[in-house]
Amino acid sequence: MNIELMQQRTDKAVVMLKALANERRLFILCYLLSEGEMCVGEMNKKLGLSQSALSQHLAWLRKDNLVETRKEAQTVFYSLKSKEVSEIIKLLNNMYCH
């Protein structure tokens, strides 16, 4: 395998693993996996995080391309961004949350 390509893939994995290393962000991702697309208001009610903390975690996840957004009027909806993210969250969920 090409060393440069391997390094790029490793760098991408490290970004994802850093985001997943925070229990709140991992919890948000697990919740999005189980519930599907959700708006911030719904997540705020269900997850028990302050609006400020939730917004900061969602911004981190968005920056690292783990979640994507869809805007409808003034409401922003969040969902898992890719199949790869979903697969990793499913694996962690099956290993540790059941």
PDB file of N, CA and C in Angstrom:
ATOM      1  N   MET A   1       0.842  -1.182   0.000  1.00  0.00           N
ATOM      2  CA  MET A   1       0.000   0.000   0.000  1.00  0.00           C
ATOM      3  C   MET A   1       0.886   1.245   0.000  1.00  0.00           C
ATOM      4  N   ASN A   2       0.416   2.269  -0.633  1.00  0.00           N
ATOM      5  CA  ASN A   2       1.095   3.553  -0.705  1.00  0.00           C
ATOM      6  C   ASN A   2       1.172   4.177   0.691  1.00  0.00           C
ATOM      7  N   ILE A   3       2.370   4.525   1.143  1.00  0.00           N
ATOM      8  CA  ILE A   3       2.583   5.087   2.485  1.00  0.00           C
ATOM      9  C   ILE A   3       1.848   6.411   2.655  1.00  0.00           C
ATOM     10  N   GLU A   4       1.871   7.264   1.640  1.00  0.00           N
ATOM     11  CA  GLU A   4       1.185   8.559   1.741  1.00  0.00           C
ATOM     12  C   GLU A   4      -0.319   8.373   1.908  1.00  0.00           C
ATOM     13  N   LEU A   5      -0.876   7.449   1.157  1.00  0.00           N
ATOM     14  CA  LEU A   5      -2.307   7.168   1.263  1.00  0.00           C
ATOM     15  C   LEU A   5      -2.639   6.605   2.646  1.00  0.00           C
ATOM     16  N   MET A   6      -1.787   5.712   3.134  1.00  0.00           N
ATOM     17  CA  MET A   6      -1.992   5.152   4.463  1.00  0.00           C
ATOM     18  C   MET A   6      -1.950   6.256   5.521  1.00  0.00           C
ATOM     19  N   GLN A   7      -1.021   7.192   5.383  1.00  0.00           N
ATOM     20  CA  GLN A   7      -0.912   8.308   6.325  1.00  0.00           C
ATOM     21  C   GLN A   7      -2.169   9.177   6.291  1.00  0.00           C
ATOM     22  N   GLN A   8      -2.683   9.451   5.101  1.00  0.00           N
ATOM     23  CA  GLN A   8      -3.909  10.247   4.971  1.00  0.00           C
ATOM     24  C   GLN A   8      -5.079   9.551   5.655  1.00  0.00           C
ATOM     25  N   ARG A   9      -5.193   8.267   5.450  1.00  0.00           N
ATOM     26  CA  ARG A   9      -6.291   7.507   6.062  1.00  0.00           C
ATOM     27  C   ARG A   9      -6.136   7.443   7.576  1.00  0.00           C
ATOM     28  N   THR A  10      -4.903   7.301   8.037  1.00  0.00           N
ATOM     29  CA  THR A  10      -4.641   7.298   9.474  1.00  0.00           C
ATOM     30  C   THR A  10      -5.006   8.637  10.085  1.00  0.00           C
ATOM     31  N   ASP A  11      -4.633   9.718   9.417  1.00  0.00           N
ATOM     32  CA  ASP A  11      -4.973  11.062   9.906  1.00  0.00           C
ATOM     33  C   ASP A  11      -6.485  11.237  10.018  1.00  0.00           C
ATOM     34  N   LYS A  12      -7.206  10.747   9.027  1.00  0.00           N
ATOM     35  CA  LYS A  12      -8.674  10.840   9.035  1.00  0.00           C
ATOM     36  C   LYS A  12      -9.256  10.031  10.200  1.00  0.00           C
ATOM     37  N   ALA A  13      -8.697   8.854  10.438  1.00  0.00           N
ATOM     38  CA  ALA A  13      -9.171   8.014  11.542  1.00  0.00           C
ATOM     39  C   ALA A  13      -8.914   8.680  12.887  1.00  0.00           C
ATOM     40  N   VAL A  14      -7.773   9.328  13.032  1.00  0.00           N
ATOM     41  CA  VAL A  14      -7.434  10.006  14.290  1.00  0.00           C
ATOM     42  C   VAL A  14      -8.429  11.123  14.580  1.00  0.00           C
ATOM     43  N   VAL A  15      -8.804  11.883  13.569  1.00  0.00           N
ATOM     44  CA  VAL A  15      -9.794  12.953  13.756  1.00  0.00           C
ATOM     45  C   VAL A  15     -11.097  12.366  14.282  1.00  0.00           C
ATOM     46  N   MET A  16     -11.550  11.274  13.671  1.00  0.00           N
ATOM     47  CA  MET A  16     -12.796  10.650  14.103  1.00  0.00           C
ATOM     48  C   MET A  16     -12.671  10.106  15.524  1.00  0.00           C
ATOM     49  N   LEU A  17     -11.570   9.444  15.819  1.00  0.00           N
ATOM     50  CA  LEU A  17     -11.395   8.855  17.147  1.00  0.00           C
ATOM     51  C   LEU A  17     -11.309   9.913  18.241  1.00  0.00           C
ATOM     52  N   LYS A  18     -10.713  11.062  17.937  1.00  0.00           N
ATOM     53  CA  LYS A  18     -10.674  12.154  18.915  1.00  0.00           C
ATOM     54  C   LYS A  18     -12.082  12.645  19.224  1.00  0.00           C
ATOM     55  N   ALA A  19     -12.903  12.763  18.206  1.00  0.00           N
ATOM     56  CA  ALA A  19     -14.288  13.197  18.426  1.00  0.00           C
ATOM     57  C   ALA A  19     -15.049  12.162  19.245  1.00  0.00           C
ATOM     58  N   LEU A  20     -14.817  10.893  18.971  1.00  0.00           N
ATOM     59  CA  LEU A  20     -15.517   9.815  19.675  1.00  0.00           C
ATOM     60  C   LEU A  20     -15.009   9.620  21.095  1.00  0.00           C
ATOM     61  N   ALA A  21     -13.839  10.147  21.408  1.00  0.00           N
ATOM     62  CA  ALA A  21     -13.251   9.970  22.736  1.00  0.00           C
ATOM     63  C   ALA A  21     -13.968  10.773  23.816  1.00  0.00           C
ATOM     64  N   ASN A  22     -14.848  11.675  23.433  1.00  0.00           N
ATOM     65  CA  ASN A  22     -15.619  12.452  24.393  1.00  0.00           C
ATOM     66  C   ASN A  22     -16.963  11.764  24.608  1.00  0.00           C
ATOM     67  N   GLU A  23     -17.299  11.459  25.865  1.00  0.00           N
ATOM     68  CA  GLU A  23     -18.517  10.683  26.125  1.00  0.00           C
ATOM     69  C   GLU A  23     -19.785  11.394  25.673  1.00  0.00           C
ATOM     70  N   ARG A  24     -19.831  12.711  25.763  1.00  0.00           N
ATOM     71  CA  ARG A  24     -21.031  13.445  25.329  1.00  0.00           C
ATOM     72  C   ARG A  24     -21.196  13.394  23.816  1.00  0.00           C
ATOM     73  N   ARG A  25     -20.090  13.570  23.093  1.00  0.00           N
ATOM     74  CA  ARG A  25     -20.180  13.502  21.630  1.00  0.00           C
ATOM     75  C   ARG A  25     -20.540  12.094  21.180  1.00  0.00           C
ATOM     76  N   LEU A  26     -19.964  11.095  21.816  1.00  0.00           N
ATOM     77  CA  LEU A  26     -20.308   9.717  21.478  1.00  0.00           C
ATOM     78  C   LEU A  26     -21.780   9.452  21.769  1.00  0.00           C
ATOM     79  N   PHE A  27     -22.267   9.964  22.884  1.00  0.00           N
ATOM     80  CA  PHE A  27     -23.676   9.813  23.250  1.00  0.00           C
ATOM     81  C   PHE A  27     -24.579  10.469  22.203  1.00  0.00           C
ATOM     82  N   ILE A  28     -24.215  11.661  21.752  1.00  0.00           N
ATOM     83  CA  ILE A  28     -24.990  12.357  20.716  1.00  0.00           C
ATOM     84  C   ILE A  28     -25.027  11.522  19.438  1.00  0.00           C
ATOM     85  N   LEU A  29     -23.887  10.984  19.035  1.00  0.00           N
ATOM     86  CA  LEU A  29     -23.829  10.171  17.821  1.00  0.00           C
ATOM     87  C   LEU A  29     -24.648   8.890  17.961  1.00  0.00           C
ATOM     88  N   CYS A  30     -24.575   8.249  19.116  1.00  0.00           N
ATOM     89  CA  CYS A  30     -25.384   7.046  19.363  1.00  0.00           C
ATOM     90  C   CYS A  30     -26.869   7.380  19.304  1.00  0.00           C
ATOM     91  N   TYR A  31     -27.222   8.517  19.865  1.00  0.00           N
ATOM     92  CA  TYR A  31     -28.623   8.934  19.857  1.00  0.00           C
ATOM     93  C   TYR A  31     -29.098   9.216  18.433  1.00  0.00           C
ATOM     94  N   LEU A  32     -28.281   9.890  17.638  1.00  0.00           N
ATOM     95  CA  LEU A  32     -28.651  10.147  16.245  1.00  0.00           C
ATOM     96  C   LEU A  32     -28.759   8.846  15.456  1.00  0.00           C
ATOM     97  N   LEU A  33     -27.922   7.876  15.769  1.00  0.00           N
ATOM     98  CA  LEU A  33     -28.011   6.579  15.106  1.00  0.00           C
ATOM     99  C   LEU A  33     -29.348   5.920  15.413  1.00  0.00           C
ATOM    100  N   SER A  34     -29.760   5.956  16.671  1.00  0.00           N
ATOM    101  CA  SER A  34     -30.997   5.270  17.062  1.00  0.00           C
ATOM    102  C   SER A  34     -32.254   6.030  16.657  1.00  0.00           C
ATOM    103  N   GLU A  35     -32.195   7.361  16.672  1.00  0.00           N
ATOM    104  CA  GLU A  35     -33.394   8.163  16.409  1.00  0.00           C
ATOM    105  C   GLU A  35     -33.454   8.750  15.010  1.00  0.00           C
ATOM    106  N   GLY A  36     -32.340   8.798  14.322  1.00  0.00           N
ATOM    107  CA  GLY A  36     -32.315   9.428  13.003  1.00  0.00           C
ATOM    108  C   GLY A  36     -32.190  10.934  13.127  1.00  0.00           C
ATOM    109  N   GLU A  37     -32.497  11.623  12.055  1.00  0.00           N
ATOM    110  CA  GLU A  37     -32.359  13.079  12.009  1.00  0.00           C
ATOM    111  C   GLU A  37     -33.173  13.749  13.111  1.00  0.00           C
ATOM    112  N   MET A  38     -32.538  14.716  13.779  1.00  0.00           N
ATOM    113  CA  MET A  38     -33.212  15.439  14.864  1.00  0.00           C
ATOM    114  C   MET A  38     -32.793  16.897  14.867  1.00  0.00           C
ATOM    115  N   CYS A  39     -33.697  17.744  15.367  1.00  0.00           N
ATOM    116  CA  CYS A  39     -33.347  19.155  15.526  1.00  0.00           C
ATOM    117  C   CYS A  39     -32.729  19.360  16.909  1.00  0.00           C
ATOM    118  N   VAL A  40     -32.054  20.486  17.065  1.00  0.00           N
ATOM    119  CA  VAL A  40     -31.354  20.787  18.311  1.00  0.00           C
ATOM    120  C   VAL A  40     -32.322  20.815  19.491  1.00  0.00           C
ATOM    121  N   GLY A  41     -33.497  21.405  19.299  1.00  0.00           N
ATOM    122  CA  GLY A  41     -34.478  21.490  20.384  1.00  0.00           C
ATOM    123  C   GLY A  41     -34.881  20.124  20.906  1.00  0.00           C
ATOM    124  N   GLU A  42     -35.135  19.180  19.989  1.00  0.00           N
ATOM    125  CA  GLU A  42     -35.495  17.812  20.389  1.00  0.00           C
ATOM    126  C   GLU A  42     -34.347  17.149  21.141  1.00  0.00           C
ATOM    127  N   MET A  43     -33.141  17.281  20.591  1.00  0.00           N
ATOM    128  CA  MET A  43     -31.979  16.677  21.248  1.00  0.00           C
ATOM    129  C   MET A  43     -31.768  17.280  22.628  1.00  0.00           C
ATOM    130  N   ASN A  44     -31.951  18.577  22.738  1.00  0.00           N
ATOM    131  CA  ASN A  44     -31.761  19.262  24.012  1.00  0.00           C
ATOM    132  C   ASN A  44     -32.696  18.701  25.074  1.00  0.00           C
ATOM    133  N   LYS A  45     -33.951  18.462  24.715  1.00  0.00           N
ATOM    134  CA  LYS A  45     -34.932  17.908  25.662  1.00  0.00           C
ATOM    135  C   LYS A  45     -34.586  16.473  26.046  1.00  0.00           C
ATOM    136  N   LYS A  46     -34.179  15.683  25.069  1.00  0.00           N
ATOM    137  CA  LYS A  46     -33.954  14.253  25.294  1.00  0.00           C
ATOM    138  C   LYS A  46     -32.616  13.934  25.958  1.00  0.00           C
ATOM    139  N   LEU A  47     -31.574  14.688  25.643  1.00  0.00           N
ATOM    140  CA  LEU A  47     -30.229  14.326  26.091  1.00  0.00           C
ATOM    141  C   LEU A  47     -29.821  14.937  27.422  1.00  0.00           C
ATOM    142  N   GLY A  48     -30.540  15.942  27.870  1.00  0.00           N
ATOM    143  CA  GLY A  48     -30.223  16.531  29.164  1.00  0.00           C
ATOM    144  C   GLY A  48     -28.956  17.368  29.188  1.00  0.00           C
ATOM    145  N   LEU A  49     -28.528  17.839  28.041  1.00  0.00           N
ATOM    146  CA  LEU A  49     -27.378  18.738  27.971  1.00  0.00           C
ATOM    147  C   LEU A  49     -27.889  20.167  27.859  1.00  0.00           C
ATOM    148  N   SER A  50     -27.126  21.107  28.372  1.00  0.00           N
ATOM    149  CA  SER A  50     -27.515  22.505  28.192  1.00  0.00           C
ATOM    150  C   SER A  50     -27.436  22.842  26.702  1.00  0.00           C
ATOM    151  N   GLN A  51     -28.202  23.834  26.290  1.00  0.00           N
ATOM    152  CA  GLN A  51     -28.197  24.251  24.884  1.00  0.00           C
ATOM    153  C   GLN A  51     -26.783  24.633  24.450  1.00  0.00           C
ATOM    154  N   SER A  52     -26.061  25.314  25.325  1.00  0.00           N
ATOM    155  CA  SER A  52     -24.702  25.753  25.017  1.00  0.00           C
ATOM    156  C   SER A  52     -23.768  24.561  24.816  1.00  0.00           C
ATOM    157  N   ALA A  53     -23.807  23.610  25.745  1.00  0.00           N
ATOM    158  CA  ALA A  53     -22.939  22.428  25.644  1.00  0.00           C
ATOM    159  C   ALA A  53     -23.278  21.615  24.402  1.00  0.00           C
ATOM    160  N   LEU A  54     -24.570  21.418  24.160  1.00  0.00           N
ATOM    161  CA  LEU A  54     -25.000  20.655  22.991  1.00  0.00           C
ATOM    162  C   LEU A  54     -24.519  21.334  21.713  1.00  0.00           C
ATOM    163  N   SER A  55     -24.677  22.636  21.632  1.00  0.00           N
ATOM    164  CA  SER A  55     -24.243  23.381  20.442  1.00  0.00           C
ATOM    165  C   SER A  55     -22.743  23.253  20.221  1.00  0.00           C
ATOM    166  N   GLN A  56     -21.969  23.300  21.293  1.00  0.00           N
ATOM    167  CA  GLN A  56     -20.514  23.161  21.168  1.00  0.00           C
ATOM    168  C   GLN A  56     -20.131  21.773  20.665  1.00  0.00           C
ATOM    169  N   HIS A  57     -20.773  20.743  21.213  1.00  0.00           N
ATOM    170  CA  HIS A  57     -20.474  19.378  20.775  1.00  0.00           C
ATOM    171  C   HIS A  57     -20.895  19.168  19.321  1.00  0.00           C
ATOM    172  N   LEU A  58     -22.056  19.688  18.948  1.00  0.00           N
ATOM    173  CA  LEU A  58     -22.512  19.548  17.564  1.00  0.00           C
ATOM    174  C   LEU A  58     -21.592  20.293  16.603  1.00  0.00           C
ATOM    175  N   ALA A  59     -21.095  21.444  17.019  1.00  0.00           N
ATOM    176  CA  ALA A  59     -20.150  22.194  16.178  1.00  0.00           C
ATOM    177  C   ALA A  59     -18.873  21.382  15.962  1.00  0.00           C
ATOM    178  N   TRP A  60     -18.388  20.738  17.016  1.00  0.00           N
ATOM    179  CA  TRP A  60     -17.188  19.884  16.914  1.00  0.00           C
ATOM    180  C   TRP A  60     -17.452  18.739  15.930  1.00  0.00           C
ATOM    181  N   LEU A  61     -18.592  18.084  16.085  1.00  0.00           N
ATOM    182  CA  LEU A  61     -18.932  16.955  15.220  1.00  0.00           C
ATOM    183  C   LEU A  61     -19.106  17.398  13.770  1.00  0.00           C
ATOM    184  N   ARG A  62     -19.666  18.561  13.575  1.00  0.00           N
ATOM    185  CA  ARG A  62     -19.839  19.110  12.230  1.00  0.00           C
ATOM    186  C   ARG A  62     -18.469  19.443  11.619  1.00  0.00           C
ATOM    187  N   LYS A  63     -17.604  20.068  12.412  1.00  0.00           N
ATOM    188  CA  LYS A  63     -16.250  20.425  11.947  1.00  0.00           C
ATOM    189  C   LYS A  63     -15.477  19.183  11.509  1.00  0.00           C
ATOM    190  N   ASP A  64     -15.658  18.097  12.230  1.00  0.00           N
ATOM    191  CA  ASP A  64     -14.947  16.854  11.920  1.00  0.00           C
ATOM    192  C   ASP A  64     -15.696  15.963  10.929  1.00  0.00           C
ATOM    193  N   ASN A  65     -16.755  16.496  10.333  1.00  0.00           N
ATOM    194  CA  ASN A  65     -17.527  15.795   9.288  1.00  0.00           C
ATOM    195  C   ASN A  65     -18.177  14.499   9.758  1.00  0.00           C
ATOM    196  N   LEU A  66     -18.596  14.469  11.014  1.00  0.00           N
ATOM    197  CA  LEU A  66     -19.289  13.286  11.526  1.00  0.00           C
ATOM    198  C   LEU A  66     -20.800  13.451  11.453  1.00  0.00           C
ATOM    199  N   VAL A  67     -21.262  14.682  11.477  1.00  0.00           N
ATOM    200  CA  VAL A  67     -22.693  14.951  11.316  1.00  0.00           C
ATOM    201  C   VAL A  67     -22.875  15.963  10.192  1.00  0.00           C
ATOM    202  N   GLU A  68     -24.073  15.957   9.635  1.00  0.00           N
ATOM    203  CA  GLU A  68     -24.426  16.953   8.634  1.00  0.00           C
ATOM    204  C   GLU A  68     -25.699  17.657   9.070  1.00  0.00           C
ATOM    205  N   THR A  69     -25.936  18.806   8.484  1.00  0.00           N
ATOM    206  CA  THR A  69     -27.096  19.604   8.864  1.00  0.00           C
ATOM    207  C   THR A  69     -28.003  19.831   7.670  1.00  0.00           C
ATOM    208  N   ARG A  70     -29.257  20.067   8.018  1.00  0.00           N
ATOM    209  CA  ARG A  70     -30.263  20.452   7.038  1.00  0.00           C
ATOM    210  C   ARG A  70     -31.093  21.527   7.709  1.00  0.00           C
ATOM    211  N   LYS A  71     -31.291  22.624   7.022  1.00  0.00           N
ATOM    212  CA  LYS A  71     -32.028  23.736   7.614  1.00  0.00           C
ATOM    213  C   LYS A  71     -33.421  23.807   7.008  1.00  0.00           C
ATOM    214  N   GLU A  72     -34.401  23.988   7.884  1.00  0.00           N
ATOM    215  CA  GLU A  72     -35.790  24.154   7.467  1.00  0.00           C
ATOM    216  C   GLU A  72     -36.321  25.371   8.212  1.00  0.00           C
ATOM    217  N   ALA A  73     -36.466  26.481   7.507  1.00  0.00           N
ATOM    218  CA  ALA A  73     -36.811  27.774   8.115  1.00  0.00           C
ATOM    219  C   ALA A  73     -35.729  28.117   9.141  1.00  0.00           C
ATOM    220  N   GLN A  74     -36.103  28.249  10.411  1.00  0.00           N
ATOM    221  CA  GLN A  74     -35.133  28.585  11.460  1.00  0.00           C
ATOM    222  C   GLN A  74     -34.597  27.347  12.181  1.00  0.00           C
ATOM    223  N   THR A  75     -35.087  26.183  11.825  1.00  0.00           N
ATOM    224  CA  THR A  75     -34.726  24.950  12.526  1.00  0.00           C
ATOM    225  C   THR A  75     -33.598  24.229  11.802  1.00  0.00           C
ATOM    226  N   VAL A  76     -32.592  23.821  12.571  1.00  0.00           N
ATOM    227  CA  VAL A  76     -31.468  23.067  12.017  1.00  0.00           C
ATOM    228  C   VAL A  76     -31.596  21.617  12.469  1.00  0.00           C
ATOM    229  N   PHE A  77     -31.567  20.710  11.511  1.00  0.00           N
ATOM    230  CA  PHE A  77     -31.651  19.279  11.783  1.00  0.00           C
ATOM    231  C   PHE A  77     -30.273  18.656  11.600  1.00  0.00           C
ATOM    232  N   TYR A  78     -29.957  17.704  12.469  1.00  0.00           N
ATOM    233  CA  TYR A  78     -28.668  17.015  12.428  1.00  0.00           C
ATOM    234  C   TYR A  78     -28.882  15.534  12.159  1.00  0.00           C
ATOM    235  N   SER A  79     -27.942  14.948  11.420  1.00  0.00           N
ATOM    236  CA  SER A  79     -27.948  13.506  11.187  1.00  0.00           C
ATOM    237  C   SER A  79     -26.503  13.047  11.003  1.00  0.00           C
ATOM    238  N   LEU A  80     -26.297  11.738  11.099  1.00  0.00           N
ATOM    239  CA  LEU A  80     -24.963  11.192  10.859  1.00  0.00           C
ATOM    240  C   LEU A  80     -24.600  11.438   9.401  1.00  0.00           C
ATOM    241  N   LYS A  81     -23.357  11.775   9.155  1.00  0.00           N
ATOM    242  CA  LYS A  81     -22.963  12.233   7.823  1.00  0.00           C
ATOM    243  C   LYS A  81     -22.729  11.111   6.816  1.00  0.00           C
ATOM    244  N   SER A  82     -22.169  10.013   7.242  1.00  0.00           N
ATOM    245  CA  SER A  82     -21.778   9.004   6.260  1.00  0.00           C
ATOM    246  C   SER A  82     -22.054   7.593   6.760  1.00  0.00           C
ATOM    247  N   LYS A  83     -21.996   6.677   5.824  1.00  0.00           N
ATOM    248  CA  LYS A  83     -22.155   5.265   6.157  1.00  0.00           C
ATOM    249  C   LYS A  83     -21.025   4.811   7.084  1.00  0.00           C
ATOM    250  N   GLU A  84     -19.827   5.331   6.863  1.00  0.00           N
ATOM    251  CA  GLU A  84     -18.679   4.952   7.693  1.00  0.00           C
ATOM    252  C   GLU A  84     -18.901   5.343   9.152  1.00  0.00           C
ATOM    253  N   VAL A  85     -19.382   6.569   9.360  1.00  0.00           N
ATOM    254  CA  VAL A  85     -19.673   7.026  10.724  1.00  0.00           C
ATOM    255  C   VAL A  85     -20.740   6.132  11.343  1.00  0.00           C
ATOM    256  N   SER A  86     -21.796   5.862  10.593  1.00  0.00           N
ATOM    257  CA  SER A  86     -22.877   5.005  11.099  1.00  0.00           C
ATOM    258  C   SER A  86     -22.365   3.626  11.482  1.00  0.00           C
ATOM    259  N   GLU A  87     -21.502   3.053  10.650  1.00  0.00           N
ATOM    260  CA  GLU A  87     -20.977   1.711  10.923  1.00  0.00           C
ATOM    261  C   GLU A  87     -20.140   1.683  12.202  1.00  0.00           C
ATOM    262  N   ILE A  88     -19.318   2.695  12.406  1.00  0.00           N
ATOM    263  CA  ILE A  88     -18.492   2.735  13.621  1.00  0.00           C
ATOM    264  C   ILE A  88     -19.366   2.915  14.855  1.00  0.00           C
ATOM    265  N   ILE A  89     -20.352   3.791  14.774  1.00  0.00           N
ATOM    266  CA  ILE A  89     -21.252   4.011  15.908  1.00  0.00           C
ATOM    267  C   ILE A  89     -22.058   2.747  16.186  1.00  0.00           C
ATOM    268  N   LYS A  90     -22.510   2.060  15.146  1.00  0.00           N
ATOM    269  CA  LYS A  90     -23.230   0.788  15.335  1.00  0.00           C
ATOM    270  C   LYS A  90     -22.351  -0.223  16.061  1.00  0.00           C
ATOM    271  N   LEU A  91     -21.106  -0.330  15.634  1.00  0.00           N
ATOM    272  CA  LEU A  91     -20.175  -1.266  16.262  1.00  0.00           C
ATOM    273  C   LEU A  91     -19.995  -0.943  17.740  1.00  0.00           C
ATOM    274  N   LEU A  92     -19.721   0.314  18.052  1.00  0.00           N
ATOM    275  CA  LEU A  92     -19.549   0.720  19.453  1.00  0.00           C
ATOM    276  C   LEU A  92     -20.833   0.515  20.245  1.00  0.00           C
ATOM    277  N   ASN A  93     -21.949   0.836  19.646  1.00  0.00           N
ATOM    278  CA  ASN A  93     -23.241   0.663  20.299  1.00  0.00           C
ATOM    279  C   ASN A  93     -23.491  -0.813  20.624  1.00  0.00           C
ATOM    280  N   ASN A  94     -23.219  -1.682  19.672  1.00  0.00           N
ATOM    281  CA  ASN A  94     -23.418  -3.120  19.888  1.00  0.00           C
ATOM    282  C   ASN A  94     -22.466  -3.678  20.939  1.00  0.00           C
ATOM    283  N   MET A  95     -21.248  -3.156  20.978  1.00  0.00           N
ATOM    284  CA  MET A  95     -20.260  -3.659  21.929  1.00  0.00           C
ATOM    285  C   MET A  95     -20.508  -3.174  23.354  1.00  0.00           C
ATOM    286  N   TYR A  96     -20.941  -1.925  23.508  1.00  0.00           N
ATOM    287  CA  TYR A  96     -20.950  -1.325  24.840  1.00  0.00           C
ATOM    288  C   TYR A  96     -22.301  -0.855  25.352  1.00  0.00           C
ATOM    289  N   CYS A  97     -23.290  -0.757  24.512  1.00  0.00           N
ATOM    290  CA  CYS A  97     -24.567  -0.168  24.947  1.00  0.00           C
ATOM    291  C   CYS A  97     -25.699  -1.177  25.040  1.00  0.00           C
ATOM    292  N   HIS A  98     -25.410  -2.430  24.820  1.00  0.00           N
ATOM    293  CA  HIS A  98     -26.468  -3.457  24.921  1.00  0.00           C
ATOM    294  C   HIS A  98     -26.181  -4.401  26.055  1.00  0.00           C
TER     295      HIS A  98
END
